[in-house]
Amino acid sequence: MSLWVVVPAYDEAGSIGATLAALAAQEDTGFRLVVVDNASTDGTARIVREFARSAPFPVDLVHEPEPGAGTAADTGFRHAVRGGARLLLRTDADCLPARDWTAVARAEFGRGAEMVCGRSVPRRDERPTFAEARLLPALVRLTALYGRWRPAHRDPRFRAPYVLCHGHNLGITAGLYVRCGGAPRERLEEGSEDVTLLNRAREHSAAVVRCERLVVENSLRRLRSWGARRTLLWYWDRRYRPVDTKEVHVR
């Protein structure tokens, strides 16, 4: 099977069921799913095992004891590559991919993309306010424009333009993933693993694209727990970090 979907998960027993259901409802279910249990202490792994019994695609449950979304994602991606994957997709265990998510990604790869960065919208089932649904995404897009002009993102070594990238909605070919070194194996509070992966990929390929049709609904948990200012500073090079590192993993 050429397409594999990777989902890192840490203590997501309350959310991962909806994510798994959204994946099972895909128009294109011709993929293999890898859930990376990142040392969960709740029933995350049990829910995945129960889902696997009737899933419309093969499901692998992989365990990664070292904390970190990048670390868990890298474990899942490399497991998939060893299993023969040629195309890799990632979302998170509190997200809901649109029904055509895998189909759109496969089409983008078919057009020659080596890395695809999709669009993130608030989860509708969390009933976002106008500010949450419109204003915050607009601010995120503005910060992405700023990112395009940052000297660190404009180095001549980059072969593709900087684009807005979300770790919970990206795709990359197995070949590019291996060539660029993959996602950084670091703790969540240490850096933005999605931006690091993006920049590593841009050093090795000119076929890095932004795809607005590749849509994932993302949870508002962090925004509602921390507020808009702290959330934006968190995504802006971790300029806000909670004193208690346990707060990094908002449930």
Protein backbone atom coordinates (compact mmCIF):
# COMPACT_ATOMS: atom_id res chain seq x y z
CA MET A 1 0.00 0.00 0.00
CA SER A 2 1.58 3.31 -1.09
CA LEU A 3 -0.29 5.82 1.12
CA TRP A 4 0.10 5.72 4.90
CA VAL A 5 -1.51 8.08 7.44
CA VAL A 6 0.34 8.84 10.68
CA VAL A 7 -1.43 10.06 13.84
CA PRO A 8 0.66 10.85 16.96
CA ALA A 9 -1.41 10.55 20.15
CA TYR A 10 -0.72 11.36 23.79
CA ASP A 11 -3.55 10.81 26.29
CA GLU A 12 -6.22 11.38 23.65
CA ALA A 13 -8.82 8.86 24.82
CA GLY A 14 -11.43 11.62 24.82
CA SER A 15 -10.71 12.77 21.27
CA ILE A 16 -9.14 10.07 19.16
CA GLY A 17 -12.40 8.20 18.58
CA ALA A 18 -13.74 11.10 16.50
CA THR A 19 -10.47 11.32 14.57
CA LEU A 20 -10.58 7.60 13.78
CA ALA A 21 -14.21 7.91 12.69
CA ALA A 22 -13.31 10.79 10.35
CA LEU A 23 -10.57 8.66 8.80
CA ALA A 24 -12.92 5.69 8.40
CA ALA A 25 -15.37 8.01 6.60
CA GLN A 26 -12.82 9.08 3.96
CA GLU A 27 -13.91 8.87 0.32
CA ASP A 28 -10.55 7.22 -0.38
CA THR A 29 -9.80 4.55 2.23
CA GLY A 30 -6.94 2.99 0.27
CA PHE A 31 -4.33 3.70 2.92
CA ARG A 32 -2.75 2.18 6.01
CA LEU A 33 -3.08 3.96 9.35
CA VAL A 34 -0.28 4.25 11.92
CA VAL A 35 -1.24 5.55 15.37
CA VAL A 36 1.78 6.38 17.51
CA ASP A 37 0.94 6.06 21.20
CA ASN A 38 3.33 8.58 22.78
CA ALA A 39 3.43 7.03 26.29
CA SER A 40 -0.25 7.66 27.01
CA THR A 41 -1.50 6.94 30.52
CA ASP A 42 -5.19 6.71 29.59
CA GLY A 43 -7.17 4.43 27.28
CA THR A 44 -5.84 5.77 23.98
CA ALA A 45 -4.21 2.50 22.92
CA ARG A 46 -7.28 0.46 23.88
CA ILE A 47 -9.54 2.64 21.73
CA VAL A 48 -7.21 2.24 18.76
CA ARG A 49 -7.08 -1.55 19.16
CA GLU A 50 -10.88 -1.73 19.31
CA PHE A 51 -11.19 0.47 16.22
CA ALA A 52 -8.70 -1.70 14.31
CA ARG A 53 -11.00 -4.73 14.56
CA SER A 54 -13.52 -3.24 12.12
CA ALA A 55 -11.58 -0.45 10.39
CA PRO A 56 -11.89 -0.25 6.58
CA PHE A 57 -8.08 -0.17 6.31
CA PRO A 58 -5.14 -1.80 8.10
CA VAL A 59 -4.17 -0.19 11.42
CA ASP A 60 -0.76 -0.31 13.10
CA LEU A 61 -0.40 0.76 16.75
CA VAL A 62 3.18 1.82 17.45
CA HIS A 63 4.56 2.87 20.83
CA GLU A 64 7.02 5.73 21.34
CA PRO A 65 8.06 6.33 24.98
CA GLU A 66 10.03 9.55 24.38
CA PRO A 67 7.68 12.56 24.62
CA GLY A 68 7.25 15.01 21.77
CA ALA A 69 4.94 15.42 18.79
CA GLY A 70 7.91 15.55 16.40
CA THR A 71 9.41 12.46 17.99
CA ALA A 72 6.14 10.54 17.76
CA ALA A 73 5.56 11.69 14.18
CA ASP A 74 9.07 10.67 13.16
CA THR A 75 8.58 7.23 14.71
CA GLY A 76 5.33 6.82 12.76
CA PHE A 77 6.75 8.08 9.48
CA ARG A 78 9.80 5.85 9.67
CA HIS A 79 7.64 2.86 10.58
CA ALA A 80 5.60 3.57 7.45
CA VAL A 81 8.69 3.95 5.25
CA ARG A 82 10.04 0.63 6.50
CA GLY A 83 6.66 -0.90 5.65
CA GLY A 84 6.88 0.24 2.04
CA ALA A 85 5.06 3.59 2.14
CA ARG A 86 5.72 5.98 -0.75
CA LEU A 87 3.29 8.71 0.33
CA LEU A 88 2.90 9.96 3.91
CA LEU A 89 0.11 12.00 5.51
CA ARG A 90 -0.14 13.30 9.05
CA THR A 91 -2.91 14.60 11.24
CA ASP A 92 -3.33 14.74 15.03
CA ALA A 93 -5.55 12.85 17.45
CA ASP A 94 -7.76 15.86 18.22
CA CYS A 95 -8.43 16.70 14.56
CA LEU A 96 -11.11 15.86 11.99
CA PRO A 97 -9.88 15.51 8.40
CA ALA A 98 -12.41 16.45 5.72
CA ARG A 99 -14.01 13.50 3.87
CA ASP A 100 -11.89 14.13 0.77
CA TRP A 101 -8.64 14.64 2.70
CA THR A 102 -6.80 11.54 1.51
CA ALA A 103 -8.21 11.88 -2.01
CA VAL A 104 -7.04 15.49 -2.33
CA ALA A 105 -3.59 14.62 -0.98
CA ARG A 106 -3.22 11.72 -3.40
CA ALA A 107 -4.19 14.02 -6.28
CA GLU A 108 -1.60 16.64 -5.23
CA PHE A 109 1.10 13.99 -5.08
CA GLY A 110 -0.03 12.82 -8.50
CA ARG A 111 0.57 16.33 -9.85
CA GLY A 112 4.17 16.16 -8.71
CA ALA A 113 4.12 17.66 -5.22
CA GLU A 114 6.70 16.21 -2.82
CA MET A 115 5.34 18.04 0.22
CA VAL A 116 1.77 19.30 0.65
CA CYS A 117 0.75 21.73 3.40
CA GLY A 118 -3.00 21.93 3.96
CA ARG A 119 -5.50 24.33 5.50
CA SER A 120 -6.56 24.30 9.15
CA VAL A 121 -10.05 25.37 10.26
CA PRO A 122 -11.68 25.22 13.72
CA ARG A 123 -13.67 22.12 14.61
CA ARG A 124 -17.32 22.82 13.93
CA ASP A 125 -18.46 20.48 16.71
CA GLU A 126 -16.70 22.78 19.21
CA ARG A 127 -19.01 25.63 18.11
CA PRO A 128 -16.40 28.32 17.40
CA THR A 129 -17.28 31.96 17.96
CA PHE A 130 -16.86 34.50 15.17
CA ALA A 131 -13.46 35.48 16.58
CA GLU A 132 -12.34 31.86 16.82
CA ALA A 133 -13.60 30.98 13.34
CA ARG A 134 -12.53 34.11 11.46
CA LEU A 135 -10.24 36.47 13.32
CA LEU A 136 -7.69 34.02 14.71
CA PRO A 137 -7.17 32.17 11.38
CA ALA A 138 -6.68 35.58 9.75
CA LEU A 139 -4.01 36.43 12.32
CA VAL A 140 -2.31 33.10 11.71
CA ARG A 141 -2.19 33.85 7.98
CA LEU A 142 -0.67 37.25 8.69
CA THR A 143 2.06 35.69 10.80
CA ALA A 144 2.70 33.27 7.94
CA LEU A 145 3.23 36.22 5.59
CA TYR A 146 5.71 37.60 8.09
CA GLY A 147 7.38 34.18 8.10
CA ARG A 148 7.96 34.37 4.35
CA TRP A 149 10.10 37.49 4.85
CA ARG A 150 12.09 36.34 7.86
CA PRO A 151 15.79 36.06 6.97
CA ALA A 152 15.89 32.55 8.47
CA HIS A 153 13.29 31.43 5.92
CA ARG A 154 14.81 33.20 2.89
CA ASP A 155 18.22 31.58 2.79
CA PRO A 156 19.50 30.78 -0.74
CA ARG A 157 19.74 27.11 0.22
CA PHE A 158 15.93 26.84 0.13
CA ARG A 159 14.63 25.57 -3.19
CA ALA A 160 10.94 26.35 -2.55
CA PRO A 161 9.12 29.38 -1.08
CA TYR A 162 8.08 29.37 2.56
CA VAL A 163 4.40 28.42 3.02
CA LEU A 164 2.03 28.19 5.97
CA CYS A 165 2.34 24.67 7.38
CA HIS A 166 0.40 22.88 10.13
CA GLY A 167 1.76 19.70 11.69
CA HIS A 168 -1.77 18.31 11.89
CA ASN A 169 -2.30 18.63 8.14
CA LEU A 170 0.65 17.83 5.93
CA GLY A 171 1.80 15.25 3.43
CA ILE A 172 5.26 14.34 2.21
CA THR A 173 6.71 11.67 -0.04
CA ALA A 174 8.73 8.96 1.67
CA GLY A 175 11.67 9.78 -0.56
CA LEU A 176 11.77 13.43 0.47
CA TYR A 177 11.21 12.56 4.12
CA VAL A 178 14.29 10.34 4.16
CA ARG A 179 16.39 12.76 2.08
CA CYS A 180 15.70 15.77 4.30
CA GLY A 181 16.16 14.00 7.63
CA GLY A 182 12.52 14.00 8.71
CA ALA A 183 10.80 15.64 11.66
CA PRO A 184 12.95 16.75 14.61
CA ARG A 185 12.87 14.43 17.60
CA GLU A 186 12.29 17.08 20.27
CA ARG A 187 9.83 17.94 23.00
CA LEU A 188 6.80 19.98 22.01
CA GLU A 189 7.92 23.01 23.99
CA GLU A 190 11.35 23.03 22.36
CA GLY A 191 10.22 24.09 18.90
CA SER A 192 7.75 23.91 16.03
CA GLU A 193 8.45 20.51 14.51
CA ASP A 194 6.23 21.26 11.52
CA VAL A 195 8.21 24.38 10.55
CA THR A 196 11.50 22.51 11.01
CA LEU A 197 10.27 19.69 8.76
CA LEU A 198 9.05 22.24 6.21
CA ASN A 199 12.41 24.00 6.07
CA ARG A 200 14.30 20.71 5.87
CA ALA A 201 12.10 19.70 2.95
CA ARG A 202 12.59 23.07 1.24
CA GLU A 203 16.34 22.50 1.25
CA HIS A 204 15.90 19.32 -0.78
CA SER A 205 12.91 19.95 -3.05
CA ALA A 206 11.31 22.71 -5.10
CA ALA A 207 8.00 20.78 -5.11
CA VAL A 208 6.70 22.02 -1.74
CA VAL A 209 3.17 23.42 -2.10
CA ARG A 210 0.33 24.91 -0.12
CA CYS A 211 -3.04 23.28 -0.88
CA GLU A 212 -6.15 25.11 0.35
CA ARG A 213 -8.34 22.16 -0.66
CA LEU A 214 -6.58 19.86 1.82
CA VAL A 215 -8.63 20.62 4.93
CA VAL A 216 -8.48 19.45 8.54
CA GLU A 217 -10.64 20.71 11.40
CA ASN A 218 -8.41 21.50 14.39
CA SER A 219 -9.40 21.60 18.06
CA LEU A 220 -9.76 24.93 19.87
CA ARG A 221 -8.61 23.45 23.19
CA ARG A 222 -5.31 25.34 23.40
CA LEU A 223 -6.84 28.65 22.37
CA ARG A 224 -9.61 28.37 24.94
CA SER A 225 -7.24 27.30 27.68
CA TRP A 226 -4.49 29.87 27.09
CA GLY A 227 -6.27 32.74 25.33
CA ALA A 228 -5.45 34.30 21.96
CA ARG A 229 -2.32 36.19 22.97
CA ARG A 230 -0.51 33.27 24.58
CA THR A 231 -1.59 30.91 21.83
CA LEU A 232 -0.20 33.18 19.10
CA LEU A 233 3.05 33.67 21.03
CA TRP A 234 3.33 29.88 21.43
CA TYR A 235 3.12 29.37 17.68
CA TRP A 236 5.49 32.30 17.12
CA ASP A 237 8.74 30.52 17.96
CA ARG A 238 7.48 29.44 21.41
CA ARG A 239 7.69 33.00 22.75
CA TYR A 240 5.20 31.87 25.36
CA ARG A 241 5.83 28.67 27.26
CA PRO A 242 3.81 27.63 30.32
CA VAL A 243 5.77 27.37 33.55
CA ASP A 244 4.35 23.90 34.12
CA THR A 245 5.38 21.88 31.07
CA LYS A 246 2.39 19.59 31.64
CA GLU A 247 0.21 22.46 30.38
CA VAL A 248 1.84 22.10 26.96
CA HIS A 249 -0.35 19.04 26.39
CA VAL A 250 -3.76 20.67 26.66
CA ARG A 251 -6.68 18.23 27.00
